């Protein structure tokens, strides 16, 4: 059996390494020709995951057509390119497992909607949770949500293929909840990075995580997500992880913004993608359209558009007092 992985960034490479740990053959698609060559000849990915020596069971390709006939494909491309890349697969795989976290700019669509249009013959699942790529690649214990649009039958097919002694998936049928948790936590991680960059302290960060989680719940429930899903690995669990470490690209971006660097310069210079920066504007537009109070998301969007982090935080702190369980944020 061969499992396909679309995307050879840090997370895609880590998933390939995890899958190959028991001898499973993994075909890893990479955009860069030089990276394909490096993975196949040196068994390393110095661009995105330099800490790992890759399993010889991983082979790389730059041709999407070579994934034809593989029944299970993990999609780990940047969220904004997911549709265009998946649509080039040709023969649709039976199961597409979405590992990219974001909301499509311009349309406001979740990734499962994008994938269904791009590969209408596939059943869609979402894999999400608290996962730093270098830890997964190193075989450290990890638990994730595997939300299956095809229900238990799809879970039975996929779970046995991806579960490993140190990589434990938990079943859900709430695809929307799994996606929303992963998308919103990226934006909130930027906010927590800003707090760290401004040296506002641990109290402020803990409060922001809690209030950000309230925003996640409000948005998720309006979109049809289950609150139990958002309280699990792919929501609260992922939120806590990415809001507390510079190993998170989104947290690191926020920290740099809080320290006074410009969003434009940071986004230009970054080799890896901080998905929260792309998600924040479209998430804020959706919140406005739906009438959902998301003041932290609004603040992140303003900072990304060039507003002063000091001034935006001051505005947040001067908001009117209200009940903690308020729909007004």
Protein backbone atom coordinates (compact mmCIF):
# COMPACT_ATOMS: atom_id res chain seq x y z
CA UNK A 1 0.00 0.00 0.00
CA UNK A 2 1.18 3.52 -0.82
CA UNK A 3 -0.15 6.68 0.81
CA UNK A 4 0.14 10.00 -1.00
CA UNK A 5 1.06 13.30 0.66
CA UNK A 6 0.54 16.55 -1.24
CA UNK A 7 2.97 19.16 0.02
CA UNK A 8 6.55 18.81 1.26
CA UNK A 9 6.62 21.68 3.73
CA UNK A 10 7.44 20.98 7.36
CA UNK A 11 4.02 19.51 8.18
CA UNK A 12 3.67 17.44 5.01
CA UNK A 13 7.18 16.04 5.43
CA UNK A 14 6.55 15.25 9.10
CA UNK A 15 3.35 13.38 8.21
CA UNK A 16 5.21 11.44 5.51
CA UNK A 17 7.92 10.52 8.04
CA UNK A 18 5.33 9.40 10.57
CA UNK A 19 3.48 7.28 8.00
CA UNK A 20 6.71 5.68 6.80
CA UNK A 21 7.78 4.76 10.34
CA UNK A 22 6.27 1.27 10.03
CA UNK A 23 7.56 0.64 6.51
CA UNK A 24 4.56 2.05 4.64
CA UNK A 25 5.50 3.45 1.24
CA UNK A 26 4.80 7.18 0.98
CA UNK A 27 4.80 9.24 -2.21
CA UNK A 28 5.44 12.89 -1.31
CA UNK A 29 4.67 15.62 -3.85
CA UNK A 30 6.89 18.70 -3.71
CA UNK A 31 6.68 21.83 -5.80
CA UNK A 32 10.44 22.50 -5.93
CA UNK A 33 12.42 20.25 -8.30
CA UNK A 34 15.56 20.62 -6.18
CA UNK A 35 13.66 19.45 -3.12
CA UNK A 36 12.39 16.37 -4.95
CA UNK A 37 16.00 15.56 -5.83
CA UNK A 38 17.20 16.12 -2.26
CA UNK A 39 14.52 13.92 -0.69
CA UNK A 40 15.16 11.09 -3.14
CA UNK A 41 18.97 11.15 -2.99
CA UNK A 42 19.85 12.50 0.47
CA UNK A 43 16.69 11.63 2.44
CA UNK A 44 16.57 15.13 3.91
CA UNK A 45 14.43 18.25 3.58
CA UNK A 46 16.84 21.05 4.44
CA UNK A 47 14.36 23.72 3.32
CA UNK A 48 11.50 22.91 5.68
CA UNK A 49 12.41 20.15 8.14
CA UNK A 50 16.19 20.11 8.55
CA UNK A 51 16.05 18.25 11.88
CA UNK A 52 14.85 14.97 10.31
CA UNK A 53 16.63 12.19 8.45
CA UNK A 54 13.85 10.86 6.26
CA UNK A 55 12.85 7.23 5.89
CA UNK A 56 13.92 5.49 2.69
CA UNK A 57 10.25 4.48 2.38
CA UNK A 58 9.53 8.08 1.35
CA UNK A 59 9.92 8.91 -2.31
CA UNK A 60 9.30 12.36 -3.76
CA UNK A 61 7.84 13.52 -7.05
CA UNK A 62 7.11 16.80 -8.74
CA UNK A 63 4.44 15.28 -10.98
CA UNK A 64 0.90 15.23 -9.63
CA UNK A 65 -0.02 12.60 -12.21
CA UNK A 66 2.17 10.08 -10.36
CA UNK A 67 -0.33 10.05 -7.51
CA UNK A 68 -3.00 8.57 -9.79
CA UNK A 69 -4.31 5.31 -8.40
CA UNK A 70 -3.40 6.06 -4.78
CA UNK A 71 -6.59 5.66 -2.75
CA UNK A 72 -5.66 7.78 0.26
CA UNK A 73 -4.01 11.18 -0.20
CA UNK A 74 -3.19 13.64 2.59
CA UNK A 75 -3.42 17.25 1.41
CA UNK A 76 -0.90 19.48 3.16
CA UNK A 77 -0.60 22.33 0.67
CA UNK A 78 -1.06 25.98 1.72
CA UNK A 79 -4.78 26.52 2.15
CA UNK A 80 -5.02 29.22 -0.53
CA UNK A 81 -3.61 26.83 -3.17
CA UNK A 82 -5.46 23.68 -2.13
CA UNK A 83 -8.17 23.83 -4.79
CA UNK A 84 -5.89 24.47 -7.74
CA UNK A 85 -3.48 21.68 -6.76
CA UNK A 86 -6.11 19.06 -5.93
CA UNK A 87 -7.91 19.74 -9.21
CA UNK A 88 -4.78 18.65 -11.08
CA UNK A 89 -4.72 15.17 -9.56
CA UNK A 90 -6.68 13.71 -12.45
CA UNK A 91 -8.23 10.50 -11.17
CA UNK A 92 -9.75 11.43 -7.78
CA UNK A 93 -8.45 9.41 -4.81
CA UNK A 94 -11.08 7.58 -2.81
CA UNK A 95 -10.19 9.51 0.36
CA UNK A 96 -8.80 13.03 0.58
CA UNK A 97 -7.56 13.84 4.08
CA UNK A 98 -7.26 17.61 4.48
CA UNK A 99 -4.42 18.70 6.74
CA UNK A 100 -4.32 22.36 5.67
CA UNK A 101 -5.88 24.89 8.03
CA UNK A 102 -7.53 28.01 6.65
CA UNK A 103 -10.44 29.70 4.92
CA UNK A 104 -10.33 30.49 1.21
CA UNK A 105 -9.76 34.17 0.54
CA UNK A 106 -12.29 35.78 -1.76
CA UNK A 107 -14.97 33.13 -1.24
CA UNK A 108 -15.00 32.44 2.51
CA UNK A 109 -15.21 28.72 1.83
CA UNK A 110 -13.86 26.10 4.19
CA UNK A 111 -11.30 23.69 2.77
CA UNK A 112 -13.75 20.76 2.61
CA UNK A 113 -15.98 22.78 0.27
CA UNK A 114 -12.98 23.70 -1.86
CA UNK A 115 -11.83 20.08 -2.01
CA UNK A 116 -15.28 18.74 -2.93
CA UNK A 117 -15.41 21.04 -5.93
CA UNK A 118 -11.84 20.24 -6.95
CA UNK A 119 -12.22 16.45 -6.54
CA UNK A 120 -15.94 15.59 -6.63
CA UNK A 121 -15.31 11.86 -6.71
CA UNK A 122 -13.48 11.79 -3.38
CA UNK A 123 -14.75 11.45 0.16
CA UNK A 124 -13.38 14.18 2.42
CA UNK A 125 -11.87 13.88 5.87
CA UNK A 126 -10.09 16.50 8.00
CA UNK A 127 -7.07 15.80 10.19
CA UNK A 128 -6.43 18.50 12.77
CA UNK A 129 -5.06 18.93 16.26
CA UNK A 130 -2.13 20.12 18.38
CA UNK A 131 0.79 19.16 16.18
CA UNK A 132 4.24 20.69 15.85
CA UNK A 133 5.85 19.17 12.78
CA UNK A 134 9.30 18.55 14.29
CA UNK A 135 7.78 16.60 17.19
CA UNK A 136 5.67 14.39 14.91
CA UNK A 137 8.70 13.72 12.72
CA UNK A 138 10.71 12.76 15.81
CA UNK A 139 8.06 10.22 16.85
CA UNK A 140 6.93 12.06 19.97
CA UNK A 141 3.40 11.24 21.23
CA UNK A 142 0.67 13.12 19.36
CA UNK A 143 -3.14 12.94 19.32
CA UNK A 144 -5.35 14.42 16.62
CA UNK A 145 -8.95 14.64 15.49
CA UNK A 146 -9.82 12.76 12.32
CA UNK A 147 -13.19 14.10 11.20
CA UNK A 148 -14.73 11.93 8.50
CA UNK A 149 -17.38 13.27 6.15
CA UNK A 150 -17.99 9.66 5.14
CA UNK A 151 -18.76 8.63 8.71
CA UNK A 152 -17.65 5.42 10.36
CA UNK A 153 -17.05 3.59 7.09
CA UNK A 154 -14.47 6.17 6.06
CA UNK A 155 -12.97 6.18 9.55
CA UNK A 156 -12.53 2.42 9.36
CA UNK A 157 -10.63 2.82 6.07
CA UNK A 158 -8.37 5.69 7.09
CA UNK A 159 -7.68 5.30 10.80
CA UNK A 160 -5.81 2.04 10.42
CA UNK A 161 -3.68 3.54 7.67
CA UNK A 162 -2.52 6.57 9.64
CA UNK A 163 -2.51 5.45 13.30
CA UNK A 164 0.92 4.70 14.74
CA UNK A 165 2.06 3.93 18.32
CA UNK A 166 2.94 7.61 18.85
CA UNK A 167 0.27 9.09 16.54
CA UNK A 168 -3.28 8.56 17.80
CA UNK A 169 -6.33 9.75 15.83
CA UNK A 170 -9.73 10.23 17.50
CA UNK A 171 -12.95 9.89 15.51
CA UNK A 172 -15.36 12.72 14.77
CA UNK A 173 -18.05 13.23 12.15
CA UNK A 174 -17.90 17.03 12.57
CA UNK A 175 -15.86 18.15 9.55
CA UNK A 176 -16.98 21.76 9.93
CA UNK A 177 -15.93 21.91 13.57
CA UNK A 178 -12.53 20.39 12.87
CA UNK A 179 -11.90 22.91 10.12
CA UNK A 180 -13.08 25.96 12.04
CA UNK A 181 -10.99 25.09 15.08
CA UNK A 182 -7.85 24.80 12.97
CA UNK A 183 -8.48 27.98 10.99
CA UNK A 184 -9.38 30.29 13.88
CA UNK A 185 -6.64 29.12 16.23
CA UNK A 186 -4.08 30.36 13.68
CA UNK A 187 -5.48 33.89 13.93
CA UNK A 188 -5.59 33.72 17.72
CA UNK A 189 -1.99 32.48 17.79
CA UNK A 190 -0.96 35.68 16.00
CA UNK A 191 -2.76 37.66 18.70
CA UNK A 192 -0.93 35.76 21.44
CA UNK A 193 2.36 36.40 19.67
CA UNK A 194 1.57 40.12 19.63
CA UNK A 195 0.96 39.99 23.39
CA UNK A 196 4.33 38.30 23.84
CA UNK A 197 6.08 40.78 21.56
CA UNK A 198 4.60 43.67 23.53
CA UNK A 199 5.73 41.99 26.79
CA UNK A 200 2.24 42.19 28.28
CA UNK A 201 2.74 39.11 30.46
CA UNK A 202 1.34 35.64 31.02
CA UNK A 203 -1.93 36.89 32.56
CA UNK A 204 -2.76 38.74 29.35
CA UNK A 205 -1.96 35.75 27.18
CA UNK A 206 -4.11 33.40 29.28
CA UNK A 207 -7.00 35.87 29.12
CA UNK A 208 -6.60 36.21 25.38
CA UNK A 209 -6.67 32.43 24.89
CA UNK A 210 -9.89 32.18 26.92
CA UNK A 211 -11.58 35.11 25.20
CA UNK A 212 -10.35 33.91 21.82
CA UNK A 213 -11.83 30.50 22.50
CA UNK A 214 -15.17 32.23 23.18
CA UNK A 215 -14.92 33.83 19.73
CA UNK A 216 -14.15 30.44 18.20
CA UNK A 217 -17.25 28.96 19.85
CA UNK A 218 -19.51 31.79 18.70
CA UNK A 219 -18.35 31.55 15.11
CA UNK A 220 -18.28 27.76 15.04
CA UNK A 221 -21.77 27.31 16.42
CA UNK A 222 -23.15 29.80 13.89
CA UNK A 223 -21.50 27.80 11.10
CA UNK A 224 -22.93 24.50 12.34
CA UNK A 225 -19.96 23.15 14.29
CA UNK A 226 -20.47 21.14 17.45
CA UNK A 227 -19.23 22.83 20.63
CA UNK A 228 -17.88 19.45 21.81
CA UNK A 229 -15.60 19.34 18.76
CA UNK A 230 -14.23 22.80 19.47
CA UNK A 231 -13.58 21.77 23.08
CA UNK A 232 -11.42 18.90 21.84
CA UNK A 233 -8.06 18.35 20.19
CA UNK A 234 -8.77 20.27 16.99
CA UNK A 235 -10.11 23.33 18.82
CA UNK A 236 -9.01 24.07 22.36
CA UNK A 237 -6.11 21.61 22.23
CA UNK A 238 -4.62 23.15 19.10
CA UNK A 239 -5.31 26.65 20.40
CA UNK A 240 -3.35 26.10 23.61
CA UNK A 241 -0.36 24.66 21.74
CA UNK A 242 -0.01 27.30 19.05
CA UNK A 243 -0.64 30.21 21.41
CA UNK A 244 2.30 29.36 23.64
CA UNK A 245 5.40 28.67 21.57
CA UNK A 246 7.62 30.23 18.92
CA UNK A 247 7.55 26.81 17.22
CA UNK A 248 4.22 28.09 15.87
CA UNK A 249 4.68 30.12 12.67
CA UNK A 250 1.62 32.18 13.52
CA UNK A 251 2.80 32.92 17.07
CA UNK A 252 6.22 33.89 15.73
CA UNK A 253 4.63 36.24 13.19
CA UNK A 254 2.56 37.89 15.94
CA UNK A 255 5.59 38.22 18.21
CA UNK A 256 7.50 40.02 15.45
CA UNK A 257 4.51 42.34 14.87
CA UNK A 258 4.35 43.09 18.58
CA UNK A 259 8.04 43.93 18.54
CA UNK A 260 7.37 46.58 15.90
CA UNK A 261 8.21 44.86 12.62
CA UNK A 262 5.92 45.57 9.67
CA UNK A 263 3.46 42.95 8.42
CA UNK A 264 4.40 43.64 4.80
CA UNK A 265 8.10 43.01 5.40
CA UNK A 266 7.45 39.91 7.49
CA UNK A 267 5.14 38.31 4.94
CA UNK A 268 7.58 39.04 2.11
CA UNK A 269 10.53 37.50 3.89
CA UNK A 270 8.90 34.37 5.27
CA UNK A 271 9.70 31.11 3.48
CA UNK A 272 6.99 29.21 5.32
CA UNK A 273 3.33 30.22 5.40
CA UNK A 274 1.65 31.64 8.50
CA UNK A 275 -1.89 30.71 7.47
CA UNK A 276 -3.47 32.98 10.08
CA UNK A 277 -2.35 36.04 8.14
CA UNK A 278 -4.42 34.90 5.15
CA UNK A 279 -7.32 33.72 7.28
CA UNK A 280 -7.74 36.85 9.42
CA UNK A 281 -9.15 39.19 6.71
CA UNK A 282 -11.67 36.70 5.34
CA UNK A 283 -12.66 35.55 8.85
CA UNK A 284 -13.31 39.14 9.90
CA UNK A 285 -15.39 39.73 6.76
CA UNK A 286 -17.46 36.64 7.54
CA UNK A 287 -17.91 37.75 11.15
CA UNK A 288 -19.18 41.15 9.99
CA UNK A 289 -21.52 39.55 7.46
CA UNK A 290 -22.94 37.16 10.04
CA UNK A 291 -23.07 39.70 12.87
CA UNK A 292 -20.71 37.73 15.13
CA UNK A 293 -18.67 39.65 17.70
CA UNK A 294 -14.97 38.74 17.21
CA UNK A 295 -12.98 41.66 18.62
CA UNK A 296 -9.70 39.73 18.83
CA UNK A 297 -9.96 38.68 15.18
CA UNK A 298 -10.76 42.28 14.31
CA UNK A 299 -7.66 43.42 16.20
CA UNK A 300 -5.37 40.93 14.45
CA UNK A 301 -6.73 41.96 11.07
CA UNK A 302 -6.11 45.63 11.88
CA UNK A 303 -2.49 44.96 12.90
CA UNK A 304 -1.89 42.92 9.74
CA UNK A 305 -3.22 45.88 7.73
CA UNK A 306 -0.62 48.13 9.34
CA UNK A 307 -2.26 49.49 12.50
CA UNK A 308 -0.08 50.03 15.57
CA UNK A 309 -0.10 46.99 17.85
CA UNK A 310 0.08 49.27 20.91
CA UNK A 311 -2.95 51.28 19.78
CA UNK A 312 -5.00 48.22 18.83
CA UNK A 313 -4.36 46.57 22.20
CA UNK A 314 -5.28 49.80 23.98
CA UNK A 315 -8.59 49.83 22.09
CA UNK A 316 -9.27 46.23 23.09
CA UNK A 317 -8.63 47.02 26.75
CA UNK A 318 -10.94 50.04 26.65
CA UNK A 319 -13.98 48.13 25.38
CA UNK A 320 -17.12 48.40 27.57
CA UNK A 321 -17.42 45.96 30.45
CA UNK A 322 -19.92 43.13 29.97
CA UNK A 323 -20.86 39.65 31.14
CA UNK A 324 -18.28 36.94 30.40
CA UNK A 325 -20.84 34.81 28.55
CA UNK A 326 -21.96 37.62 26.29
CA UNK A 327 -22.62 37.41 22.56
CA UNK A 328 -21.08 40.89 22.29
CA UNK A 329 -17.55 39.60 22.82
